[in-house]
Each structure stands twice: as structure tokens, then as C-alpha cells.
Amino acid sequence: MSEVGAAVTACGEAARAGAAALASAPAGVIDEALRGMATLLTQATGQVLDANAADVAAGQRAGLGAGLLDRLQLDEDRIAGMAGQIGQLAAVPFPPAEMPVRDLPGGLRLAERRIPVGVIGANYEARPNVTVDIASQLLKSRNAGVLRTGGAALRSAAALFDHVIVPAVAAAGLDPRALQLVRSADRAGGHRTGPPARPDPAGDTAWQRYHHPGSRRRGGQARGPHARARRRWRGAVPGRGR
């Protein structure tokens, strides 16, 4: 298995481990995590912009076109807009978990139930704002997820995960393993692969990286009844349908 394949599998296994707790999380806890993301996004603007500047500089050296560079670049206004969108999502009421459809003969009742998929894989182009968009929508729907962005935006995506997404999820009392970023090798920056680690036991806010032990034991194919939920790439390991 390639290094990237092993990293994707490791991220999928880690996300699956955190999926059950996320699926049963109260609405208030989910919205607390989203509001925390919005707050941390504003507070971590400096760290995110520094990482993004490195991505943009690498993209310029690599000869990316003006349109691609524009989509790649973040600034304070764009970050403020991202935070505002997360706040709006947190304010959206959750739909009922079950809605009656109609009564059937024999005293049976037909109802529509909303059940999280489990783990959803998302593969998207090098646009840092999409990292936050997908992570926040997965949280709101109570689905765990594995995200993989283009290498040109990997530094920016990692900064968003390390300083915004994972700390907000953990601070709300949710399992931070539920959301994972595939840190595949980047031509410009040579980033490591693998999911982010849990917070340092001593309370340090920095997030380290670790190699999940399951990455060498399982292949890179999607498993389970929800394999169709993966997006254009192999390796997401969906959670078991509940």
C-alpha cells in the first residue's frame, strides 16, 4: 500500500472510532462546537494566514494561474465570512429525527427517520474555505468525515484543522477523531501524511501527528453498507449503519 493509501485508511479508521459518539450527540453540543469553530477561526486568523501565505508562495513558484491563486488565497475578510457562515449554520434548527408519513392498514405507521451515514469521505480542490465548509456541515449532520484537499492548500487546511476545527470539537466534549484531514505529501512543502493526534496530555494547544495502528492492517477500499457515500477516491471507511 502506498504512503497516501495508508494515511487515508488510518484517517478512516480513526474517524470511524469517533463516529458513534458524534451520531448521538445532543443538538446543543453540536451547535456549541460550531460556534467554537467560528470563534477560533477569528482568533487564529494569524496562524491561518501565515500557513496560507506559504501555500500561495509555493503556488506562485509552481506556476499556478491567477484564478487558482485567487481561490487559494485567504485574507481577513474571507476568514470573517467563513466564520459568519459557520455561525449561521449553528443557528439553523435541527430537523426532527422522525417525521410521520401516513398510517397503514393493520395499525402500522410509516415514518421517515433521519440517521447519520457514519463516515463520509470528501475529496476537493485546493480551496481552504471548503475545508471549513465541509467540516461544519458534517458536524451539523452528525457525520464523521475524512477530508482530502489538493496539495496546494494543504498547509492552510492543516492550520484550519489544528487551530480551529479539532480544538472546537474537543472543547465541546465531542471525540476529535471524528473529523480527519489526510495530510498527503505535498510537492511544494513535503508535509507528512497521517491524522492529527489528540491534544497533548500536558495541556499544550499544539496538535501533533500520529500513525494509526490500523493503517497497515486494512486495505484502502471503502467498507460497509454505506460505501456509496465516498467521494471520488478510495480509502474512506464508512461507519456502520445504525
Protein backbone atom coordinates (compact mmCIF):
# COMPACT_ATOMS: atom_id res chain seq x y z
CA MET A 1 0.00 0.00 0.00
CA SER A 2 1.27 3.48 -0.83
CA GLU A 3 2.02 6.05 1.85
CA VAL A 4 -1.02 8.09 0.86
CA GLY A 5 -3.23 4.99 0.82
CA ALA A 6 -2.08 4.05 4.30
CA ALA A 7 -2.75 7.59 5.52
CA VAL A 8 -6.28 7.59 4.08
CA THR A 9 -7.02 4.22 5.66
CA ALA A 10 -5.65 5.39 9.01
CA CYS A 11 -7.80 8.51 8.90
CA GLY A 12 -10.86 6.43 8.04
CA GLU A 13 -10.27 4.07 10.95
CA ALA A 14 -9.78 6.98 13.35
CA ALA A 15 -12.92 8.74 12.11
CA ARG A 16 -14.95 5.57 12.46
CA ALA A 17 -13.82 5.29 16.08
CA GLY A 18 -15.30 8.72 16.80
CA ALA A 19 -18.42 8.40 14.64
CA ALA A 20 -20.74 6.75 17.18
CA ALA A 21 -20.37 9.46 19.82
CA LEU A 22 -20.92 12.17 17.21
CA ALA A 23 -24.06 10.47 15.86
CA SER A 24 -25.68 10.50 19.32
CA ALA A 25 -24.51 13.99 20.35
CA PRO A 26 -27.22 16.42 21.57
CA ALA A 27 -28.09 19.30 19.28
CA GLY A 28 -26.79 21.82 21.79
CA VAL A 29 -23.36 20.18 21.85
CA ILE A 30 -23.15 20.16 18.05
CA ASP A 31 -24.03 23.84 17.86
CA GLU A 32 -21.56 24.62 20.65
CA ALA A 33 -18.80 23.01 18.57
CA LEU A 34 -19.83 25.05 15.54
CA ARG A 35 -19.85 28.30 17.50
CA GLY A 36 -16.44 27.35 18.87
CA MET A 37 -15.18 26.88 15.33
CA ALA A 38 -16.40 30.34 14.38
CA THR A 39 -14.72 31.89 17.43
CA LEU A 40 -11.43 30.05 16.98
CA LEU A 41 -11.37 30.90 13.29
CA THR A 42 -11.35 34.56 14.22
CA GLN A 43 -8.81 34.10 17.00
CA ALA A 44 -6.46 32.01 14.85
CA THR A 45 -6.54 34.34 11.86
CA GLY A 46 -2.80 35.00 12.14
CA GLN A 47 -1.79 31.33 12.14
CA VAL A 48 -4.15 30.52 9.27
CA LEU A 49 -2.96 33.46 7.17
CA ASP A 50 0.69 32.55 7.77
CA ALA A 51 0.06 29.00 6.54
CA ASN A 52 -1.95 30.28 3.61
CA ALA A 53 0.80 32.73 2.62
CA ALA A 54 3.21 29.79 2.42
CA ASP A 55 0.73 27.91 0.20
CA VAL A 56 0.28 30.91 -2.09
CA ALA A 57 4.04 31.48 -2.36
CA ALA A 58 4.56 27.81 -3.24
CA GLY A 59 1.77 28.03 -5.80
CA GLN A 60 3.36 31.05 -7.41
CA ARG A 61 6.68 29.22 -7.65
CA ALA A 62 4.87 26.25 -9.18
CA GLY A 63 3.29 28.48 -11.83
CA LEU A 64 -0.37 28.27 -10.78
CA GLY A 65 -2.66 30.52 -12.78
CA ALA A 66 -4.23 33.69 -11.45
CA GLY A 67 -7.63 32.08 -11.00
CA LEU A 68 -6.24 29.18 -8.99
CA LEU A 69 -4.18 31.51 -6.83
CA ASP A 70 -7.23 33.65 -6.13
CA ARG A 71 -9.22 30.64 -4.97
CA LEU A 72 -6.27 29.52 -2.87
CA GLN A 73 -5.68 32.84 -1.12
CA LEU A 74 -7.29 33.82 2.17
CA ASP A 75 -7.44 37.25 3.78
CA GLU A 76 -9.10 38.70 6.86
CA ASP A 77 -12.35 39.43 5.03
CA ARG A 78 -12.62 35.91 3.68
CA ILE A 79 -11.91 34.42 7.08
CA ALA A 80 -14.55 36.67 8.66
CA GLY A 81 -17.01 35.47 6.02
CA MET A 82 -16.16 31.85 6.78
CA ALA A 83 -16.75 32.44 10.50
CA GLY A 84 -20.06 34.13 9.75
CA GLN A 85 -21.27 31.20 7.69
CA ILE A 86 -20.43 28.76 10.49
CA GLY A 87 -22.37 30.93 12.94
CA GLN A 88 -25.37 30.90 10.62
CA LEU A 89 -25.19 27.12 10.35
CA ALA A 90 -25.13 26.81 14.14
CA ALA A 91 -28.32 28.87 14.32
CA VAL A 92 -30.22 26.58 11.93
CA PRO A 93 -32.67 24.36 13.87
CA PHE A 94 -32.20 20.63 13.64
CA PRO A 95 -34.99 18.83 11.76
CA PRO A 96 -36.98 16.26 13.74
CA ALA A 97 -35.28 12.89 13.98
CA GLU A 98 -38.53 11.22 12.92
CA MET A 99 -41.48 12.53 10.91
CA PRO A 100 -44.74 10.61 10.41
CA VAL A 101 -45.69 9.92 6.80
CA ARG A 102 -49.00 8.07 6.97
CA ASP A 103 -50.89 5.32 8.75
CA LEU A 104 -51.07 1.91 7.11
CA PRO A 105 -53.63 -0.89 7.40
CA GLY A 106 -53.32 -3.13 10.43
CA GLY A 107 -52.33 -0.35 12.80
CA LEU A 108 -48.91 0.18 11.21
CA ARG A 109 -47.40 3.62 10.97
CA LEU A 110 -44.99 4.74 8.23
CA ALA A 111 -42.41 7.28 9.36
CA GLU A 112 -39.32 8.92 7.91
CA ARG A 113 -36.23 8.79 10.11
CA ARG A 114 -33.02 10.79 9.77
CA ILE A 115 -29.95 8.67 10.60
CA PRO A 116 -26.30 9.72 10.17
CA VAL A 117 -24.40 7.81 7.49
CA GLY A 118 -21.32 7.21 9.65
CA VAL A 119 -18.07 8.33 7.99
CA ILE A 120 -18.15 10.35 4.77
CA GLY A 121 -15.11 10.93 2.57
CA ALA A 122 -14.70 14.25 0.80
CA ASN A 123 -12.10 14.93 -1.87
CA TYR A 124 -11.98 18.54 -3.06
CA GLU A 125 -9.76 21.01 -4.87
CA ALA A 126 -7.25 23.36 -3.27
CA ARG A 127 -9.68 25.84 -1.72
CA PRO A 128 -9.03 26.36 2.01
CA ASN A 129 -12.53 27.68 2.75
CA VAL A 130 -14.03 24.37 1.59
CA THR A 131 -12.21 22.62 4.44
CA VAL A 132 -14.28 24.57 6.95
CA ASP A 133 -17.45 24.30 4.86
CA ILE A 134 -17.32 20.50 4.73
CA ALA A 135 -16.23 20.04 8.35
CA SER A 136 -19.04 22.25 9.66
CA GLN A 137 -21.69 20.55 7.52
CA LEU A 138 -20.52 17.12 8.61
CA LEU A 139 -20.78 18.22 12.24
CA LYS A 140 -24.27 19.63 11.76
CA SER A 141 -25.42 16.35 10.19
CA ARG A 142 -23.68 14.35 12.95
CA ASN A 143 -21.48 12.54 10.45
CA ALA A 144 -17.80 11.82 10.92
CA GLY A 145 -15.59 12.53 7.94
CA VAL A 146 -12.24 12.23 6.21
CA LEU A 147 -11.21 15.27 4.18
CA ARG A 148 -8.57 15.38 1.46
CA THR A 149 -7.71 18.63 -0.28
CA GLY A 150 -5.36 19.44 -3.12
CA GLY A 151 -1.69 19.64 -2.18
CA ALA A 152 -1.54 23.35 -3.00
CA ALA A 153 -3.76 24.14 0.01
CA LEU A 154 -2.50 21.53 2.43
CA ARG A 155 -0.73 23.95 4.78
CA SER A 156 -3.87 26.09 5.01
CA ALA A 157 -6.12 23.08 5.58
CA ALA A 158 -3.79 21.74 8.28
CA ALA A 159 -3.78 25.11 10.07
CA LEU A 160 -7.58 25.19 9.99
CA PHE A 161 -7.75 21.68 11.41
CA ASP A 162 -5.09 22.20 14.07
CA HIS A 163 -6.12 25.65 15.30
CA VAL A 164 -9.86 25.73 14.60
CA ILE A 165 -11.74 22.52 13.79
CA VAL A 166 -10.24 19.89 16.08
CA PRO A 167 -9.88 22.17 19.16
CA ALA A 168 -13.51 23.32 18.82
CA VAL A 169 -14.78 19.76 18.54
CA ALA A 170 -12.75 18.68 21.58
CA ALA A 171 -13.77 21.72 23.65
CA ALA A 172 -17.44 20.87 23.09
CA GLY A 173 -16.84 17.40 24.56
CA LEU A 174 -17.01 15.54 21.25
CA ASP A 175 -14.47 12.98 20.08
CA PRO A 176 -11.91 14.91 17.95
CA ARG A 177 -11.16 11.73 15.99
CA ALA A 178 -14.48 12.14 14.21
CA LEU A 179 -13.03 14.62 11.72
CA GLN A 180 -9.79 13.80 9.94
CA LEU A 181 -7.58 15.52 7.38
CA VAL A 182 -5.42 13.44 5.05
CA ARG A 183 -2.03 15.12 5.16
CA SER A 184 -0.65 13.63 1.96
CA ALA A 185 2.79 14.54 0.67
CA ASP A 186 2.88 17.99 -0.90
CA ARG A 187 5.19 18.74 -3.82
CA ALA A 188 5.94 22.23 -2.55
CA GLY A 189 6.12 21.62 1.17
CA GLY A 190 6.70 17.92 1.84
CA HIS A 191 4.03 17.56 4.55
CA ARG A 192 3.73 14.31 6.46
CA THR A 193 0.82 12.00 5.99
CA GLY A 194 -1.45 10.83 8.74
CA PRO A 195 -4.27 12.03 11.00
CA PRO A 196 -3.75 14.64 13.72
CA ALA A 197 -3.24 13.37 17.24
CA ARG A 198 -5.25 14.02 20.37
CA PRO A 199 -4.34 17.06 22.49
CA ASP A 200 -1.08 16.91 24.42
CA PRO A 201 -1.79 15.48 27.90
CA ALA A 202 0.03 18.42 29.50
CA GLY A 203 -2.49 20.82 28.02
CA ASP A 204 -0.39 22.19 25.19
CA THR A 205 -2.62 23.59 22.45
CA ALA A 206 -0.38 22.29 19.70
CA TRP A 207 -1.66 19.21 17.89
CA GLN A 208 0.86 16.52 16.96
CA ARG A 209 0.57 13.78 14.37
CA TYR A 210 0.46 10.07 14.90
CA HIS A 211 0.35 6.92 12.84
CA HIS A 212 -2.82 4.96 13.44
CA PRO A 213 -2.02 1.27 14.09
CA GLY A 214 -4.80 0.08 11.81
CA SER A 215 -3.33 1.67 8.70
CA ARG A 216 -1.13 -1.31 7.88
CA ARG A 217 -3.77 -3.91 8.58
CA ARG A 218 -6.58 -2.78 6.33
CA GLY A 219 -6.78 -2.07 2.65
CA GLY A 220 -7.82 1.18 1.04
CA GLN A 221 -11.29 0.07 -0.07
CA ALA A 222 -14.48 1.51 1.40
CA ARG A 223 -16.31 -0.98 3.60
CA GLY A 224 -19.82 -1.41 4.95
CA PRO A 225 -23.30 -0.72 3.62
CA HIS A 226 -22.61 2.98 3.07
CA ALA A 227 -19.62 2.63 0.76
CA ARG A 228 -21.52 4.58 -1.88
CA ALA A 229 -21.16 7.69 0.26
CA ARG A 230 -17.49 8.05 -0.59
CA ARG A 231 -16.42 10.81 -3.00
CA ARG A 232 -14.24 10.01 -6.00
CA TRP A 233 -11.41 8.49 -4.01
CA ARG A 234 -10.76 5.26 -2.24
CA GLY A 235 -9.96 4.80 1.39
CA ALA A 236 -12.88 6.26 3.35
CA VAL A 237 -14.12 3.71 5.84
CA PRO A 238 -17.82 4.41 6.42
CA GLY A 239 -19.34 3.83 9.80
CA ARG A 240 -21.77 1.01 10.24
CA GLY A 241 -25.38 1.97 9.56
CA ARG A 242 -27.36 2.44 12.71
